[in-house]
């Protein structure tokens, strides 16, 4: 069996990595004009994060952990339920449309929710 010095193997690998790649083909992007006044009246995800979530009886049932935009464009809210100081908590996902947020974005209400009902939803786990 013939052995090659390691430096040749490294040199060959370096040459292979230095090969020029085919240039990416630019795809035209169609931009949509939006009414910025409507967008300005929306809620920033960063401001909703960590907000307490209440039901219509004003009982605290959880906390907004994050907002997820699905690949289909639908938005979901990840709600942290139960636990104390990060122990025993459970994450669940609900459609954003299920929430009612007050005019200023200060109060988040999930009508019909209870801690028990939320705990019975499938567990949400972040992927990568």
C-alpha atoms as a PDB file:
ATOM      1  CA  UNK A   1       0.000   0.000   0.000  1.00  0.00           C
ATOM      2  CA  UNK A   2       1.447   3.317  -1.070  1.00  0.00           C
ATOM      3  CA  UNK A   3       1.181   6.154   1.431  1.00  0.00           C
ATOM      4  CA  UNK A   4       0.992   9.792   0.491  1.00  0.00           C
ATOM      5  CA  UNK A   5       2.412  12.461   2.710  1.00  0.00           C
ATOM      6  CA  UNK A   6      -0.241  14.301   4.685  1.00  0.00           C
ATOM      7  CA  UNK A   7       0.716  17.638   3.164  1.00  0.00           C
ATOM      8  CA  UNK A   8      -0.379  16.400  -0.264  1.00  0.00           C
ATOM      9  CA  UNK A   9      -3.756  15.389   1.075  1.00  0.00           C
ATOM     10  CA  UNK A  10      -4.135  18.773   2.754  1.00  0.00           C
ATOM     11  CA  UNK A  11      -3.030  20.546  -0.402  1.00  0.00           C
ATOM     12  CA  UNK A  12      -5.528  18.606  -2.507  1.00  0.00           C
ATOM     13  CA  UNK A  13      -8.322  19.446  -0.068  1.00  0.00           C
ATOM     14  CA  UNK A  14      -7.326  23.120  -0.106  1.00  0.00           C
ATOM     15  CA  UNK A  15      -7.376  23.169  -3.898  1.00  0.00           C
ATOM     16  CA  UNK A  16     -10.807  21.556  -3.965  1.00  0.00           C
ATOM     17  CA  UNK A  17     -12.183  24.126  -1.537  1.00  0.00           C
ATOM     18  CA  UNK A  18     -10.749  26.962  -3.604  1.00  0.00           C
ATOM     19  CA  UNK A  19     -12.678  25.977  -6.739  1.00  0.00           C
ATOM     20  CA  UNK A  20     -14.903  28.816  -7.890  1.00  0.00           C
ATOM     21  CA  UNK A  21     -18.595  28.241  -7.389  1.00  0.00           C
ATOM     22  CA  UNK A  22     -21.123  28.954 -10.082  1.00  0.00           C
ATOM     23  CA  UNK A  23     -22.573  32.435  -9.602  1.00  0.00           C
ATOM     24  CA  UNK A  24     -26.020  32.514  -8.054  1.00  0.00           C
ATOM     25  CA  UNK A  25     -28.777  33.478 -10.417  1.00  0.00           C
ATOM     26  CA  UNK A  26     -30.656  36.527  -9.216  1.00  0.00           C
ATOM     27  CA  UNK A  27     -34.369  35.973  -8.856  1.00  0.00           C
ATOM     28  CA  UNK A  28     -36.635  38.974  -9.280  1.00  0.00           C
ATOM     29  CA  UNK A  29     -38.486  39.902  -6.125  1.00  0.00           C
ATOM     30  CA  UNK A  30     -41.871  41.543  -6.323  1.00  0.00           C
ATOM     31  CA  UNK A  31     -42.270  44.063  -3.541  1.00  0.00           C
ATOM     32  CA  UNK A  32     -45.668  44.841  -2.124  1.00  0.00           C
ATOM     33  CA  UNK A  33     -46.528  48.352  -1.086  1.00  0.00           C
ATOM     34  CA  UNK A  34     -48.026  48.384   2.397  1.00  0.00           C
ATOM     35  CA  UNK A  35     -49.876  51.076   4.255  1.00  0.00           C
ATOM     36  CA  UNK A  36     -47.286  51.953   6.891  1.00  0.00           C
ATOM     37  CA  UNK A  37     -49.927  53.677   9.007  1.00  0.00           C
ATOM     38  CA  UNK A  38     -51.686  50.310   9.382  1.00  0.00           C
ATOM     39  CA  UNK A  39     -48.404  48.550  10.195  1.00  0.00           C
ATOM     40  CA  UNK A  40     -47.524  51.220  12.791  1.00  0.00           C
ATOM     41  CA  UNK A  41     -50.728  50.385  14.683  1.00  0.00           C
ATOM     42  CA  UNK A  42     -49.710  46.724  14.970  1.00  0.00           C
ATOM     43  CA  UNK A  43     -47.962  45.004  17.870  1.00  0.00           C
ATOM     44  CA  UNK A  44     -44.236  44.413  17.935  1.00  0.00           C
ATOM     45  CA  UNK A  45     -43.386  40.800  18.737  1.00  0.00           C
ATOM     46  CA  UNK A  46     -40.599  41.987  21.022  1.00  0.00           C
ATOM     47  CA  UNK A  47     -43.137  43.958  23.082  1.00  0.00           C
ATOM     48  CA  UNK A  48     -45.586  41.030  23.389  1.00  0.00           C
ATOM     49  CA  UNK A  49     -42.876  38.634  24.529  1.00  0.00           C
ATOM     50  CA  UNK A  50     -43.005  37.951  28.280  1.00  0.00           C
ATOM     51  CA  UNK A  51     -46.489  39.503  28.615  1.00  0.00           C
ATOM     52  CA  UNK A  52     -48.843  37.739  30.984  1.00  0.00           C
ATOM     53  CA  UNK A  53     -51.714  35.902  29.304  1.00  0.00           C
ATOM     54  CA  UNK A  54     -55.139  36.082  30.940  1.00  0.00           C
ATOM     55  CA  UNK A  55     -58.465  34.438  30.218  1.00  0.00           C
ATOM     56  CA  UNK A  56     -61.727  36.390  29.984  1.00  0.00           C
ATOM     57  CA  UNK A  57     -62.211  35.945  33.751  1.00  0.00           C
ATOM     58  CA  UNK A  58     -58.996  37.926  34.268  1.00  0.00           C
ATOM     59  CA  UNK A  59     -57.204  34.808  35.592  1.00  0.00           C
ATOM     60  CA  UNK A  60     -53.541  34.599  34.662  1.00  0.00           C
ATOM     61  CA  UNK A  61     -53.088  31.413  32.617  1.00  0.00           C
ATOM     62  CA  UNK A  62     -49.585  31.820  31.210  1.00  0.00           C
ATOM     63  CA  UNK A  63     -47.025  34.075  29.622  1.00  0.00           C
ATOM     64  CA  UNK A  64     -46.055  34.818  26.013  1.00  0.00           C
ATOM     65  CA  UNK A  65     -42.762  33.033  25.398  1.00  0.00           C
ATOM     66  CA  UNK A  66     -42.397  33.829  21.712  1.00  0.00           C
ATOM     67  CA  UNK A  67     -44.156  34.322  18.399  1.00  0.00           C
ATOM     68  CA  UNK A  68     -43.517  31.928  15.536  1.00  0.00           C
ATOM     69  CA  UNK A  69     -44.252  32.619  11.879  1.00  0.00           C
ATOM     70  CA  UNK A  70     -44.914  29.341  10.102  1.00  0.00           C
ATOM     71  CA  UNK A  71     -43.572  28.634   6.655  1.00  0.00           C
ATOM     72  CA  UNK A  72     -47.132  29.071   5.411  1.00  0.00           C
ATOM     73  CA  UNK A  73     -47.191  32.608   6.851  1.00  0.00           C
ATOM     74  CA  UNK A  74     -49.507  31.830   9.764  1.00  0.00           C
ATOM     75  CA  UNK A  75     -48.476  33.222  13.145  1.00  0.00           C
ATOM     76  CA  UNK A  76     -48.522  31.244  16.379  1.00  0.00           C
ATOM     77  CA  UNK A  77     -47.965  32.295  19.953  1.00  0.00           C
ATOM     78  CA  UNK A  78     -45.884  30.074  22.209  1.00  0.00           C
ATOM     79  CA  UNK A  79     -47.338  30.287  25.709  1.00  0.00           C
ATOM     80  CA  UNK A  80     -45.474  29.230  28.826  1.00  0.00           C
ATOM     81  CA  UNK A  81     -47.859  27.548  31.256  1.00  0.00           C
ATOM     82  CA  UNK A  82     -47.338  26.653  34.895  1.00  0.00           C
ATOM     83  CA  UNK A  83     -44.078  26.216  36.658  1.00  0.00           C
ATOM     84  CA  UNK A  84     -42.249  28.383  39.106  1.00  0.00           C
ATOM     85  CA  UNK A  85     -38.902  30.028  38.380  1.00  0.00           C
ATOM     86  CA  UNK A  86     -38.561  27.969  35.210  1.00  0.00           C
ATOM     87  CA  UNK A  87     -39.246  24.635  36.929  1.00  0.00           C
ATOM     88  CA  UNK A  88     -42.236  22.571  35.811  1.00  0.00           C
ATOM     89  CA  UNK A  89     -43.185  24.917  33.008  1.00  0.00           C
ATOM     90  CA  UNK A  90     -44.716  23.710  29.770  1.00  0.00           C
ATOM     91  CA  UNK A  91     -44.732  25.401  26.388  1.00  0.00           C
ATOM     92  CA  UNK A  92     -47.788  25.202  24.131  1.00  0.00           C
ATOM     93  CA  UNK A  93     -48.606  26.871  20.822  1.00  0.00           C
ATOM     94  CA  UNK A  94     -51.860  28.599  19.958  1.00  0.00           C
ATOM     95  CA  UNK A  95     -52.871  30.460  16.794  1.00  0.00           C
ATOM     96  CA  UNK A  96     -52.279  34.193  17.075  1.00  0.00           C
ATOM     97  CA  UNK A  97     -55.877  34.782  15.970  1.00  0.00           C
ATOM     98  CA  UNK A  98     -57.036  33.186  19.237  1.00  0.00           C
ATOM     99  CA  UNK A  99     -55.604  36.080  21.252  1.00  0.00           C
ATOM    100  CA  UNK A 100     -57.195  39.405  22.029  1.00  0.00           C
ATOM    101  CA  UNK A 101     -54.681  42.174  22.631  1.00  0.00           C
ATOM    102  CA  UNK A 102     -55.804  45.521  23.998  1.00  0.00           C
ATOM    103  CA  UNK A 103     -55.331  48.723  22.006  1.00  0.00           C
ATOM    104  CA  UNK A 104     -51.939  49.564  23.567  1.00  0.00           C
ATOM    105  CA  UNK A 105     -50.639  45.991  23.537  1.00  0.00           C
ATOM    106  CA  UNK A 106     -50.498  45.896  27.329  1.00  0.00           C
ATOM    107  CA  UNK A 107     -52.943  43.081  28.021  1.00  0.00           C
ATOM    108  CA  UNK A 108     -53.098  39.722  26.260  1.00  0.00           C
ATOM    109  CA  UNK A 109     -56.289  37.676  26.647  1.00  0.00           C
ATOM    110  CA  UNK A 110     -56.850  34.109  25.487  1.00  0.00           C
ATOM    111  CA  UNK A 111     -60.628  33.643  25.759  1.00  0.00           C
ATOM    112  CA  UNK A 112     -61.779  30.283  27.070  1.00  0.00           C
ATOM    113  CA  UNK A 113     -58.335  29.326  28.358  1.00  0.00           C
ATOM    114  CA  UNK A 114     -57.552  27.846  31.717  1.00  0.00           C
ATOM    115  CA  UNK A 115     -54.220  26.607  33.037  1.00  0.00           C
ATOM    116  CA  UNK A 116     -55.553  23.070  32.929  1.00  0.00           C
ATOM    117  CA  UNK A 117     -56.830  23.366  29.345  1.00  0.00           C
ATOM    118  CA  UNK A 118     -53.486  24.796  28.230  1.00  0.00           C
ATOM    119  CA  UNK A 119     -51.570  22.034  30.053  1.00  0.00           C
ATOM    120  CA  UNK A 120     -53.626  19.490  28.108  1.00  0.00           C
ATOM    121  CA  UNK A 121     -52.400  20.855  24.759  1.00  0.00           C
ATOM    122  CA  UNK A 122     -49.468  19.123  23.043  1.00  0.00           C
ATOM    123  CA  UNK A 123     -46.032  20.229  24.291  1.00  0.00           C
ATOM    124  CA  UNK A 124     -44.260  22.679  21.986  1.00  0.00           C
ATOM    125  CA  UNK A 125     -40.500  22.253  21.570  1.00  0.00           C
ATOM    126  CA  UNK A 126     -38.214  24.671  19.765  1.00  0.00           C
ATOM    127  CA  UNK A 127     -36.275  23.137  16.895  1.00  0.00           C
ATOM    128  CA  UNK A 128     -32.868  24.640  16.166  1.00  0.00           C
END
